[in-house]
Amino acid sequence: TKTAMGLQDGNITVFDTLKNQSASWKAHDNGVTDLHFSPDANLLFSVAREGTIKIWNACNEFLLEKELIMDSPTSPFLVRLNPAGTLLATKNADAFEIWDLQTNTKKTVDTQQS
């Protein structure tokens, strides 16, 4: 079982309670606002104030080839993955962004009232 903690200095710490191990690394330039594991707990999705979403190998803390950048002018504060692990949703004050991780495309849904 894994759990993760993101800090205001941009660091992430992952705890593996079965192996009684932890790993920490500098993940972002600004504070981490949310973390979410893939269903198999092998990937960790992090989102930070600078507007980036990063995908990490949760077993060895390597950044995978994908770093997603939000278009919205406000920082993302929530990230979630669908059960199949194919769609990633991010939320900020202005919009939801739904990322298709297989095609690397996204759809933005504006949540601001006109």
N, C-alpha and C. Protein backbone atom coordinates (compact mmCIF):
# COMPACT_ATOMS: atom_id res chain seq x y z
N THR A 1 0.84 -1.18 0.00
CA THR A 1 0.00 0.00 0.00
C THR A 1 0.88 1.24 0.00
N LYS A 2 0.57 2.18 -0.88
CA LYS A 2 1.34 3.42 -0.98
C LYS A 2 0.48 4.61 -0.63
N THR A 3 1.11 5.58 -0.05
CA THR A 3 0.49 6.87 0.20
C THR A 3 1.51 7.94 -0.14
N ALA A 4 1.04 9.13 -0.45
CA ALA A 4 1.96 10.19 -0.89
C ALA A 4 1.59 11.51 -0.24
N MET A 5 2.60 12.35 -0.14
CA MET A 5 2.42 13.67 0.45
C MET A 5 3.16 14.68 -0.43
N GLY A 6 2.46 15.76 -0.80
CA GLY A 6 3.07 16.83 -1.56
C GLY A 6 3.22 18.05 -0.67
N LEU A 7 4.34 18.73 -0.79
CA LEU A 7 4.65 19.84 0.11
C LEU A 7 4.67 21.18 -0.62
N GLN A 8 4.60 22.24 0.14
CA GLN A 8 4.59 23.60 -0.40
C GLN A 8 5.90 23.97 -1.09
N ASP A 9 6.99 23.28 -0.77
CA ASP A 9 8.27 23.57 -1.41
C ASP A 9 8.45 22.80 -2.73
N GLY A 10 7.43 22.04 -3.15
CA GLY A 10 7.50 21.30 -4.40
C GLY A 10 7.98 19.87 -4.26
N ASN A 11 8.30 19.44 -3.06
CA ASN A 11 8.76 18.06 -2.84
C ASN A 11 7.58 17.11 -2.71
N ILE A 12 7.83 15.86 -3.09
CA ILE A 12 6.88 14.76 -2.92
C ILE A 12 7.57 13.67 -2.12
N THR A 13 6.82 13.07 -1.21
CA THR A 13 7.29 11.89 -0.49
C THR A 13 6.27 10.79 -0.67
N VAL A 14 6.74 9.62 -1.08
CA VAL A 14 5.89 8.43 -1.23
C VAL A 14 6.29 7.43 -0.16
N PHE A 15 5.29 6.92 0.55
CA PHE A 15 5.50 5.92 1.59
C PHE A 15 4.94 4.59 1.10
N ASP A 16 5.75 3.54 1.18
CA ASP A 16 5.30 2.19 0.88
C ASP A 16 5.18 1.47 2.21
N THR A 17 3.97 1.29 2.69
CA THR A 17 3.77 0.72 4.02
C THR A 17 4.05 -0.78 4.07
N LEU A 18 3.94 -1.47 2.94
CA LEU A 18 4.24 -2.90 2.93
C LEU A 18 5.74 -3.16 3.03
N LYS A 19 6.52 -2.34 2.37
CA LYS A 19 7.97 -2.50 2.39
C LYS A 19 8.64 -1.66 3.48
N ASN A 20 7.84 -0.83 4.15
CA ASN A 20 8.35 0.07 5.19
C ASN A 20 9.48 0.96 4.64
N GLN A 21 9.22 1.54 3.45
CA GLN A 21 10.20 2.40 2.78
C GLN A 21 9.54 3.72 2.38
N SER A 22 10.37 4.73 2.19
CA SER A 22 9.87 5.99 1.67
C SER A 22 10.90 6.57 0.71
N ALA A 23 10.42 7.43 -0.17
CA ALA A 23 11.30 8.12 -1.12
C ALA A 23 10.79 9.55 -1.25
N SER A 24 11.70 10.50 -1.29
CA SER A 24 11.35 11.92 -1.45
C SER A 24 12.15 12.51 -2.60
N TRP A 25 11.54 13.46 -3.31
CA TRP A 25 12.25 14.12 -4.39
C TRP A 25 11.63 15.48 -4.69
N LYS A 26 12.41 16.34 -5.33
CA LYS A 26 11.94 17.64 -5.79
C LYS A 26 11.14 17.41 -7.06
N ALA A 27 9.85 17.70 -7.01
CA ALA A 27 8.96 17.39 -8.12
C ALA A 27 8.55 18.63 -8.91
N HIS A 28 8.37 19.74 -8.22
CA HIS A 28 7.87 20.96 -8.86
C HIS A 28 8.62 22.16 -8.32
N ASP A 29 8.55 23.26 -9.06
CA ASP A 29 9.17 24.51 -8.62
C ASP A 29 8.35 25.22 -7.56
N ASN A 30 7.05 24.95 -7.55
CA ASN A 30 6.14 25.57 -6.58
C ASN A 30 5.40 24.48 -5.82
N GLY A 31 4.54 24.91 -4.90
CA GLY A 31 3.85 23.98 -4.03
C GLY A 31 2.99 22.96 -4.76
N VAL A 32 3.02 21.74 -4.28
CA VAL A 32 2.19 20.66 -4.81
C VAL A 32 0.79 20.84 -4.23
N THR A 33 -0.22 20.88 -5.11
CA THR A 33 -1.58 21.09 -4.64
C THR A 33 -2.40 19.81 -4.55
N ASP A 34 -2.01 18.77 -5.30
CA ASP A 34 -2.74 17.50 -5.21
C ASP A 34 -1.90 16.38 -5.80
N LEU A 35 -2.19 15.17 -5.34
CA LEU A 35 -1.54 13.95 -5.83
C LEU A 35 -2.62 12.89 -6.03
N HIS A 36 -2.38 11.99 -6.99
CA HIS A 36 -3.33 10.90 -7.20
C HIS A 36 -2.57 9.71 -7.80
N PHE A 37 -2.78 8.52 -7.24
CA PHE A 37 -2.17 7.30 -7.77
C PHE A 37 -3.04 6.69 -8.85
N SER A 38 -2.39 6.01 -9.80
CA SER A 38 -3.11 5.19 -10.78
C SER A 38 -3.74 4.01 -10.03
N PRO A 39 -4.71 3.32 -10.65
CA PRO A 39 -5.36 2.20 -9.96
C PRO A 39 -4.39 1.12 -9.48
N ASP A 40 -3.29 0.88 -10.21
CA ASP A 40 -2.31 -0.13 -9.80
C ASP A 40 -1.23 0.45 -8.88
N ALA A 41 -1.30 1.74 -8.57
CA ALA A 41 -0.36 2.45 -7.69
C ALA A 41 1.06 2.52 -8.24
N ASN A 42 1.24 2.25 -9.53
CA ASN A 42 2.57 2.35 -10.14
C ASN A 42 2.88 3.75 -10.66
N LEU A 43 1.85 4.53 -10.94
CA LEU A 43 2.02 5.89 -11.40
C LEU A 43 1.48 6.86 -10.36
N LEU A 44 2.14 8.00 -10.25
CA LEU A 44 1.69 9.05 -9.37
C LEU A 44 1.55 10.33 -10.19
N PHE A 45 0.39 10.95 -10.12
CA PHE A 45 0.10 12.19 -10.83
C PHE A 45 0.19 13.32 -9.83
N SER A 46 0.98 14.33 -10.15
CA SER A 46 1.11 15.48 -9.25
C SER A 46 0.73 16.74 -10.00
N VAL A 47 0.17 17.69 -9.26
CA VAL A 47 -0.21 18.96 -9.84
C VAL A 47 0.30 20.05 -8.89
N ALA A 48 0.76 21.16 -9.48
CA ALA A 48 1.38 22.20 -8.66
C ALA A 48 0.96 23.59 -9.11
N ARG A 49 1.28 24.54 -8.27
CA ARG A 49 0.87 25.93 -8.51
C ARG A 49 1.39 26.53 -9.80
N GLU A 50 2.51 26.04 -10.32
CA GLU A 50 3.02 26.63 -11.56
C GLU A 50 2.20 26.21 -12.78
N GLY A 51 1.19 25.37 -12.58
CA GLY A 51 0.31 24.98 -13.68
C GLY A 51 0.74 23.73 -14.41
N THR A 52 1.61 22.93 -13.82
CA THR A 52 2.04 21.70 -14.47
C THR A 52 1.44 20.49 -13.77
N ILE A 53 1.20 19.47 -14.58
CA ILE A 53 0.80 18.16 -14.09
C ILE A 53 1.90 17.22 -14.53
N LYS A 54 2.46 16.49 -13.58
CA LYS A 54 3.55 15.58 -13.92
C LYS A 54 3.14 14.15 -13.58
N ILE A 55 3.65 13.23 -14.39
CA ILE A 55 3.35 11.81 -14.20
C ILE A 55 4.64 11.10 -13.82
N TRP A 56 4.63 10.48 -12.65
CA TRP A 56 5.83 9.87 -12.07
C TRP A 56 5.69 8.36 -11.99
N ASN A 57 6.79 7.68 -12.12
CA ASN A 57 6.85 6.26 -11.77
C ASN A 57 6.92 6.22 -10.25
N ALA A 58 5.88 5.76 -9.60
CA ALA A 58 5.80 5.79 -8.14
C ALA A 58 6.72 4.77 -7.49
N CYS A 59 7.30 3.88 -8.27
CA CYS A 59 8.22 2.87 -7.72
C CYS A 59 9.65 3.38 -7.64
N ASN A 60 10.03 4.31 -8.53
CA ASN A 60 11.43 4.76 -8.54
C ASN A 60 11.58 6.26 -8.69
N GLU A 61 10.51 7.01 -8.57
CA GLU A 61 10.45 8.47 -8.62
C GLU A 61 10.96 9.10 -9.91
N PHE A 62 10.97 8.34 -11.01
CA PHE A 62 11.37 8.90 -12.29
C PHE A 62 10.20 9.59 -12.94
N LEU A 63 10.44 10.78 -13.47
CA LEU A 63 9.43 11.49 -14.24
C LEU A 63 9.27 10.77 -15.57
N LEU A 64 8.05 10.43 -15.89
CA LEU A 64 7.80 9.80 -17.18
C LEU A 64 7.82 10.86 -18.27
N GLU A 65 7.64 10.45 -19.49
CA GLU A 65 7.81 11.38 -20.60
C GLU A 65 6.73 12.44 -20.68
N LYS A 66 5.70 12.32 -19.88
CA LYS A 66 4.60 13.27 -20.00
C LYS A 66 4.64 14.32 -18.90
N GLU A 67 4.63 15.55 -19.32
CA GLU A 67 4.41 16.69 -18.43
C GLU A 67 3.36 17.53 -19.11
N LEU A 68 2.23 17.68 -18.48
CA LEU A 68 1.11 18.38 -19.06
C LEU A 68 1.06 19.80 -18.50
N ILE A 69 0.72 20.77 -19.32
CA ILE A 69 0.66 22.16 -18.88
C ILE A 69 -0.76 22.67 -19.10
N MET A 70 -1.34 23.19 -18.05
CA MET A 70 -2.70 23.71 -18.14
C MET A 70 -2.71 25.05 -18.86
N ASP A 71 -3.77 25.30 -19.61
CA ASP A 71 -3.92 26.55 -20.33
C ASP A 71 -4.53 27.65 -19.47
N SER A 72 -5.19 27.27 -18.42
CA SER A 72 -5.91 28.24 -17.61
C SER A 72 -4.94 29.15 -16.87
N PRO A 73 -5.32 30.41 -16.65
CA PRO A 73 -4.44 31.33 -15.94
C PRO A 73 -4.36 31.08 -14.44
N THR A 74 -5.25 30.26 -13.90
CA THR A 74 -5.19 29.97 -12.47
C THR A 74 -4.62 28.58 -12.23
N SER A 75 -4.02 28.40 -11.10
CA SER A 75 -3.32 27.16 -10.78
C SER A 75 -4.29 26.00 -10.57
N PRO A 76 -3.91 24.82 -11.04
CA PRO A 76 -4.74 23.64 -10.78
C PRO A 76 -4.62 23.24 -9.31
N PHE A 77 -5.71 22.73 -8.77
CA PHE A 77 -5.64 22.29 -7.38
C PHE A 77 -6.19 20.89 -7.16
N LEU A 78 -6.62 20.23 -8.21
CA LEU A 78 -7.17 18.89 -8.05
C LEU A 78 -6.83 18.07 -9.28
N VAL A 79 -6.48 16.81 -9.08
CA VAL A 79 -6.19 15.91 -10.19
C VAL A 79 -6.80 14.54 -9.85
N ARG A 80 -7.49 13.92 -10.82
CA ARG A 80 -8.07 12.60 -10.64
C ARG A 80 -7.94 11.81 -11.93
N LEU A 81 -7.86 10.50 -11.79
CA LEU A 81 -7.71 9.58 -12.91
C LEU A 81 -8.92 8.67 -12.96
N ASN A 82 -9.40 8.35 -14.16
CA ASN A 82 -10.51 7.41 -14.25
C ASN A 82 -10.01 6.00 -13.93
N PRO A 83 -10.92 5.07 -13.58
CA PRO A 83 -10.50 3.71 -13.19
C PRO A 83 -9.69 2.97 -14.26
N ALA A 84 -9.93 3.26 -15.53
CA ALA A 84 -9.18 2.59 -16.60
C ALA A 84 -7.78 3.17 -16.76
N GLY A 85 -7.53 4.33 -16.17
CA GLY A 85 -6.21 4.95 -16.27
C GLY A 85 -5.96 5.64 -17.60
N THR A 86 -7.01 5.98 -18.32
CA THR A 86 -6.85 6.57 -19.64
C THR A 86 -7.19 8.05 -19.69
N LEU A 87 -7.99 8.53 -18.74
CA LEU A 87 -8.40 9.93 -18.70
C LEU A 87 -7.98 10.56 -17.39
N LEU A 88 -7.46 11.76 -17.48
CA LEU A 88 -7.02 12.51 -16.31
C LEU A 88 -7.82 13.81 -16.26
N ALA A 89 -8.42 14.08 -15.11
CA ALA A 89 -9.18 15.32 -14.95
C ALA A 89 -8.45 16.23 -13.99
N THR A 90 -8.36 17.51 -14.36
CA THR A 90 -7.79 18.52 -13.47
C THR A 90 -8.82 19.61 -13.28
N LYS A 91 -8.78 20.24 -12.11
CA LYS A 91 -9.73 21.30 -11.79
C LYS A 91 -8.99 22.48 -11.21
N ASN A 92 -9.39 23.66 -11.64
CA ASN A 92 -8.91 24.89 -11.03
C ASN A 92 -10.11 25.82 -10.85
N ALA A 93 -9.88 27.05 -10.51
CA ALA A 93 -10.99 27.97 -10.25
C ALA A 93 -11.80 28.30 -11.50
N ASP A 94 -11.21 28.14 -12.68
CA ASP A 94 -11.87 28.55 -13.92
C ASP A 94 -12.46 27.41 -14.73
N ALA A 95 -11.87 26.22 -14.66
CA ALA A 95 -12.27 25.19 -15.60
C ALA A 95 -11.86 23.79 -15.11
N PHE A 96 -12.49 22.81 -15.75
CA PHE A 96 -12.04 21.43 -15.71
C PHE A 96 -11.27 21.18 -16.99
N GLU A 97 -10.21 20.41 -16.92
CA GLU A 97 -9.54 19.95 -18.13
C GLU A 97 -9.49 18.43 -18.09
N ILE A 98 -9.96 17.82 -19.16
CA ILE A 98 -9.97 16.36 -19.28
C ILE A 98 -8.91 15.99 -20.30
N TRP A 99 -7.92 15.23 -19.85
CA TRP A 99 -6.79 14.83 -20.70
C TRP A 99 -6.96 13.36 -21.10
N ASP A 100 -6.86 13.09 -22.39
CA ASP A 100 -6.78 11.71 -22.87
C ASP A 100 -5.31 11.34 -22.90
N LEU A 101 -4.90 10.47 -22.01
CA LEU A 101 -3.48 10.15 -21.88
C LEU A 101 -2.94 9.29 -23.01
N GLN A 102 -3.83 8.65 -23.77
CA GLN A 102 -3.37 7.84 -24.89
C GLN A 102 -3.10 8.69 -26.13
N THR A 103 -3.87 9.75 -26.32
CA THR A 103 -3.69 10.59 -27.50
C THR A 103 -3.04 11.94 -27.16
N ASN A 104 -2.87 12.21 -25.87
CA ASN A 104 -2.30 13.46 -25.37
C ASN A 104 -3.10 14.68 -25.84
N THR A 105 -4.42 14.52 -25.86
CA THR A 105 -5.31 15.62 -26.20
C THR A 105 -6.13 15.98 -24.97
N LYS A 106 -6.69 17.18 -24.98
CA LYS A 106 -7.49 17.58 -23.84
C LYS A 106 -8.71 18.38 -24.27
N LYS A 107 -9.69 18.39 -23.38
CA LYS A 107 -10.90 19.17 -23.56
C LYS A 107 -11.04 20.05 -22.33
N THR A 108 -11.32 21.33 -22.53
CA THR A 108 -11.50 22.26 -21.43
C THR A 108 -12.98 22.59 -21.28
N VAL A 109 -13.46 22.51 -20.05
CA VAL A 109 -14.85 22.86 -19.74
C VAL A 109 -14.80 24.07 -18.81
N ASP A 110 -15.24 25.22 -19.32
CA ASP A 110 -15.23 26.46 -18.55
C ASP A 110 -16.32 26.40 -17.47
N THR A 111 -15.97 26.72 -16.25
CA THR A 111 -16.92 26.70 -15.15
C THR A 111 -17.28 28.10 -14.67
N GLN A 112 -16.80 29.13 -15.36
CA GLN A 112 -17.11 30.51 -14.99
C GLN A 112 -18.50 30.89 -15.51
N GLN A 113 -19.21 31.61 -14.69
CA GLN A 113 -20.53 32.13 -15.08
C GLN A 113 -20.34 33.36 -15.96
N SER A 114 -21.12 33.51 -17.00
CA SER A 114 -21.03 34.69 -17.88
C SER A 114 -21.81 35.84 -17.29
